[in-house]
Amino acid sequence: MADLLGGLIDGPMAMRTSEGVAQVLRKAILGGVLAPGSPLRERELAKELGVSRTPVREALFTLQGEGLVDLEPGRFARVRRVTYGDIAQIFSVRRVLEAHAAASAALAQNRQGLDRVADALAAQQRLGTDGTSLEQAQADLAFHEAIAAAAGSQLLLTLVRQVLAVTVTYRSRYKYSSATLKRALKEHTAVLDAIASGKSERAEKLMMSHIEKSSSMALERLKELDDA
């Protein structure tokens, strides 16, 4: 694994914290640098990242909670292999969690939180089709996560982050076309408008519809990729 992760380290080591190590590993997994099934040995990771084994161990526990890593007692961690069935189940959970998050955000009317949602949408619009598949996936993730944050529940945000972490891993395997991105942005805009207007039931329905459409397309695309 020597030198595999070095290019993913941004700036000085905030990386010496478990959060920083988790960020580097998460980026590597989502970007395909670390493929499903890849071993994640604490000693090797610590040496490459220039940290002690403690933040690496803590980061691996964090990523296990997000569904990105399997920990094998007495051995080492591996990048988790997520099946088509896993993704289908995760999207079902996303529909419920994120619809609830959208409704809760509409009721909460947290202005600072809503501004972050708007900023995430604007960033996604600026990226457009110019970004890589990973950049598109991360921009989409940021929008959905901002809505969960605006709902005002740390528990809800944690749960949403966990399911998003799994789906974005596979969403990053393909790039949105101009037409697909246009549809997604239109739906995101409608969800944000409903939340900002305090229309909780409308926000809930729009988010559920958006996740259903996105999941149908994603699962179809993922099946094509796996078959190929």
Protein backbone atom coordinates (compact mmCIF):
# COMPACT_ATOMS: atom_id res chain seq x y z
CA MET A 1 0.00 0.00 0.00
CA ALA A 2 3.09 2.21 -0.02
CA ASP A 3 2.45 5.66 -1.45
CA LEU A 4 -1.12 4.68 -2.39
CA LEU A 5 -2.79 7.23 -0.10
CA GLY A 6 -0.25 10.04 -0.05
CA GLY A 7 -1.93 12.02 -2.79
CA LEU A 8 -5.19 12.07 -0.84
CA ILE A 9 -3.77 13.96 2.14
CA ASP A 10 -4.82 17.60 2.10
CA GLY A 11 -2.60 20.06 3.91
CA PRO A 12 -0.93 19.48 7.28
CA MET A 13 -2.11 16.68 9.41
CA ALA A 14 -5.34 17.36 10.81
CA MET A 15 -4.66 13.80 9.58
CA ARG A 16 -3.07 12.95 12.91
CA THR A 17 -6.56 12.77 14.37
CA SER A 18 -8.83 9.79 13.85
CA GLU A 19 -11.22 12.07 11.93
CA GLY A 20 -8.42 13.04 9.56
CA VAL A 21 -7.38 9.43 8.98
CA ALA A 22 -11.02 8.45 8.41
CA GLN A 23 -11.32 11.26 5.86
CA VAL A 24 -8.32 9.99 3.86
CA LEU A 25 -9.51 6.38 3.95
CA ARG A 26 -13.07 7.35 3.10
CA LYS A 27 -11.84 9.32 0.09
CA ALA A 28 -9.72 6.37 -1.03
CA ILE A 29 -12.63 3.94 -0.75
CA LEU A 30 -15.14 6.24 -2.45
CA GLY A 31 -12.67 7.01 -5.23
CA GLY A 32 -11.85 3.38 -5.90
CA VAL A 33 -8.21 3.71 -4.78
CA LEU A 34 -8.99 1.02 -2.22
CA ALA A 35 -11.16 -1.60 -3.91
CA PRO A 36 -13.75 -3.81 -2.18
CA GLY A 37 -11.97 -6.61 -0.34
CA SER A 38 -8.70 -4.68 0.04
CA PRO A 39 -6.99 -5.38 3.40
CA LEU A 40 -6.53 -2.43 5.74
CA ARG A 41 -3.68 -3.23 8.12
CA GLU A 42 -3.21 -0.80 10.98
CA ARG A 43 0.61 -0.94 10.94
CA GLU A 44 0.88 -0.29 7.18
CA LEU A 45 -1.68 2.52 7.23
CA ALA A 46 -0.03 4.19 10.22
CA LYS A 47 3.37 4.08 8.52
CA GLU A 48 2.08 5.48 5.23
CA LEU A 49 0.08 8.27 6.85
CA GLY A 50 2.76 9.12 9.39
CA VAL A 51 0.57 8.60 12.44
CA SER A 52 0.40 6.23 15.38
CA ARG A 53 -1.81 3.15 15.21
CA THR A 54 -4.38 4.58 17.65
CA PRO A 55 -6.03 7.11 15.26
CA VAL A 56 -5.95 4.48 12.51
CA ARG A 57 -7.76 1.99 14.74
CA GLU A 58 -10.34 4.62 15.73
CA ALA A 59 -10.82 5.61 12.08
CA LEU A 60 -11.47 2.00 11.08
CA PHE A 61 -14.16 1.72 13.77
CA THR A 62 -15.74 4.90 12.39
CA LEU A 63 -15.73 3.51 8.85
CA GLN A 64 -17.15 0.23 10.09
CA GLY A 65 -20.07 2.21 11.51
CA GLU A 66 -20.56 3.85 8.11
CA GLY A 67 -20.69 0.46 6.40
CA LEU A 68 -17.49 1.01 4.42
CA VAL A 69 -15.21 -1.40 6.32
CA ASP A 70 -15.49 -4.90 7.79
CA LEU A 71 -13.42 -5.62 10.90
CA GLU A 72 -12.23 -9.22 11.21
CA PRO A 73 -11.44 -10.02 14.88
CA GLY A 74 -7.88 -11.20 15.36
CA ARG A 75 -6.93 -10.35 11.78
CA PHE A 76 -7.36 -7.01 10.01
CA ALA A 77 -9.96 -4.78 8.43
CA ARG A 78 -11.11 -4.99 4.81
CA VAL A 79 -12.93 -2.61 2.51
CA ARG A 80 -16.47 -3.95 2.60
CA ARG A 81 -17.96 -5.75 -0.39
CA VAL A 82 -21.47 -4.36 -0.75
CA THR A 83 -23.88 -6.46 -2.79
CA TYR A 84 -26.65 -5.32 -5.14
CA GLY A 85 -29.14 -6.48 -2.51
CA ASP A 86 -27.40 -4.38 0.15
CA ILE A 87 -27.71 -1.28 -2.03
CA ALA A 88 -31.40 -1.95 -2.70
CA GLN A 89 -32.03 -2.24 1.05
CA ILE A 90 -30.02 0.91 1.75
CA PHE A 91 -32.08 2.91 -0.75
CA SER A 92 -35.26 1.71 0.97
CA VAL A 93 -33.88 3.01 4.25
CA ARG A 94 -32.82 6.26 2.58
CA ARG A 95 -36.37 6.92 1.37
CA VAL A 96 -37.70 6.76 4.92
CA LEU A 97 -34.84 8.56 6.68
CA GLU A 98 -34.38 11.36 4.18
CA ALA A 99 -38.09 12.01 3.70
CA HIS A 100 -38.32 12.40 7.48
CA ALA A 101 -35.22 14.63 7.48
CA ALA A 102 -36.72 16.90 4.81
CA ALA A 103 -39.99 17.22 6.74
CA SER A 104 -38.12 17.89 9.98
CA ALA A 105 -35.93 20.54 8.34
CA ALA A 106 -39.06 22.27 7.02
CA LEU A 107 -40.51 22.36 10.54
CA ALA A 108 -37.25 23.41 12.20
CA GLN A 109 -36.67 26.43 9.91
CA ASN A 110 -33.04 26.65 11.00
CA ARG A 111 -31.86 29.59 8.88
CA GLN A 112 -28.18 28.76 9.19
CA GLY A 113 -28.90 25.15 8.29
CA LEU A 114 -31.02 26.17 5.31
CA ASP A 115 -28.26 28.46 4.09
CA ARG A 116 -25.89 25.46 4.11
CA VAL A 117 -28.40 23.45 2.08
CA ALA A 118 -28.62 26.30 -0.44
CA ASP A 119 -24.81 26.54 -0.56
CA ALA A 120 -24.54 22.80 -1.22
CA LEU A 121 -27.06 23.05 -4.05
CA ALA A 122 -25.22 26.02 -5.56
CA ALA A 123 -21.94 24.10 -5.42
CA GLN A 124 -23.57 21.15 -7.17
CA GLN A 125 -24.94 23.47 -9.87
CA ARG A 126 -21.52 25.05 -10.40
CA LEU A 127 -19.87 21.66 -10.74
CA GLY A 128 -22.39 20.52 -13.33
CA THR A 129 -21.10 17.87 -15.70
CA ASP A 130 -17.52 19.15 -15.49
CA GLY A 131 -16.75 17.16 -12.36
CA THR A 132 -15.63 13.56 -12.16
CA SER A 133 -18.08 10.86 -11.15
CA LEU A 134 -16.66 11.02 -7.62
CA GLU A 135 -16.97 14.82 -7.46
CA GLN A 136 -20.58 14.58 -8.67
CA ALA A 137 -21.33 11.92 -6.06
CA GLN A 138 -19.76 13.97 -3.28
CA ALA A 139 -21.66 17.11 -4.32
CA ASP A 140 -24.90 15.14 -4.22
CA LEU A 141 -23.93 13.70 -0.84
CA ALA A 142 -23.24 17.20 0.53
CA PHE A 143 -26.75 18.39 -0.42
CA HIS A 144 -28.51 15.45 1.21
CA GLU A 145 -26.32 15.59 4.29
CA ALA A 146 -26.98 19.34 4.69
CA ILE A 147 -30.73 18.67 4.78
CA ALA A 148 -30.27 16.06 7.49
CA ALA A 149 -28.14 18.54 9.46
CA ALA A 150 -30.81 21.23 9.07
CA ALA A 151 -33.34 18.90 10.70
CA GLY A 152 -31.58 19.52 14.00
CA SER A 153 -31.16 15.93 15.22
CA GLN A 154 -27.64 14.58 15.67
CA LEU A 155 -28.96 11.01 15.75
CA LEU A 156 -30.82 11.49 12.47
CA LEU A 157 -27.73 13.08 10.90
CA THR A 158 -25.57 10.14 12.00
CA LEU A 159 -27.99 7.61 10.51
CA VAL A 160 -28.28 9.53 7.23
CA ARG A 161 -24.49 9.79 6.98
CA GLN A 162 -24.18 6.04 7.41
CA VAL A 163 -26.55 5.17 4.57
CA LEU A 164 -25.18 7.91 2.31
CA ALA A 165 -21.63 6.64 2.83
CA VAL A 166 -22.60 3.28 1.38
CA THR A 167 -24.59 4.52 -1.60
CA VAL A 168 -22.08 7.19 -2.61
CA THR A 169 -19.39 4.49 -2.85
CA TYR A 170 -21.29 2.93 -5.72
CA ARG A 171 -22.80 6.11 -7.09
CA SER A 172 -19.24 7.30 -7.73
CA ARG A 173 -18.72 4.47 -10.23
CA TYR A 174 -20.67 6.28 -12.95
CA LYS A 175 -21.10 9.85 -14.11
CA TYR A 176 -24.39 11.70 -14.55
CA SER A 177 -25.29 12.76 -18.05
CA SER A 178 -26.36 16.34 -18.68
CA ALA A 179 -30.04 15.31 -18.81
CA THR A 180 -29.84 13.22 -15.64
CA LEU A 181 -28.03 15.95 -13.74
CA LYS A 182 -30.60 18.53 -14.91
CA ARG A 183 -33.40 16.36 -13.54
CA ALA A 184 -31.62 15.80 -10.24
CA LEU A 185 -30.95 19.52 -9.79
CA LYS A 186 -34.57 20.35 -10.58
CA GLU A 187 -35.72 17.89 -7.92
CA HIS A 188 -33.18 19.19 -5.41
CA THR A 189 -34.37 22.74 -6.01
CA ALA A 190 -38.00 21.73 -5.46
CA VAL A 191 -37.11 19.98 -2.20
CA LEU A 192 -35.19 23.02 -0.95
CA ASP A 193 -38.03 25.38 -1.89
CA ALA A 194 -40.52 23.23 0.05
CA ILE A 195 -38.25 23.11 3.09
CA ALA A 196 -37.55 26.84 3.03
CA SER A 197 -41.29 27.53 2.75
CA GLY A 198 -42.02 25.39 5.80
CA LYS A 199 -44.12 22.92 3.80
CA SER A 200 -43.16 19.77 5.66
CA GLU A 201 -45.57 17.36 3.96
CA ARG A 202 -44.58 18.57 0.50
CA ALA A 203 -40.88 18.38 1.37
CA GLU A 204 -41.36 14.83 2.62
CA LYS A 205 -43.20 13.70 -0.53
CA LEU A 206 -40.74 15.40 -2.88
CA MET A 207 -37.75 13.84 -1.15
CA MET A 208 -39.29 10.40 -1.17
CA SER A 209 -40.08 10.72 -4.88
CA HIS A 210 -36.55 11.96 -5.60
CA ILE A 211 -34.95 9.02 -3.77
CA GLU A 212 -37.24 6.53 -5.53
CA LYS A 213 -36.30 7.88 -8.98
CA SER A 214 -32.61 8.06 -8.13
CA SER A 215 -32.56 4.56 -6.66
CA SER A 216 -34.26 3.03 -9.71
CA MET A 217 -31.70 4.61 -12.01
CA ALA A 218 -28.76 3.80 -9.75
CA LEU A 219 -29.71 0.15 -9.30
CA GLU A 220 -30.21 -0.29 -13.04
CA ARG A 221 -26.83 1.31 -13.74
CA LEU A 222 -25.08 -0.71 -11.06
CA LYS A 223 -26.48 -3.95 -12.45
CA GLU A 224 -25.09 -3.01 -15.87
CA LEU A 225 -21.68 -2.28 -14.34
CA ASP A 226 -21.61 -5.51 -12.34
CA ASP A 227 -22.71 -7.56 -15.36
CA ALA A 228 -19.99 -5.93 -17.45
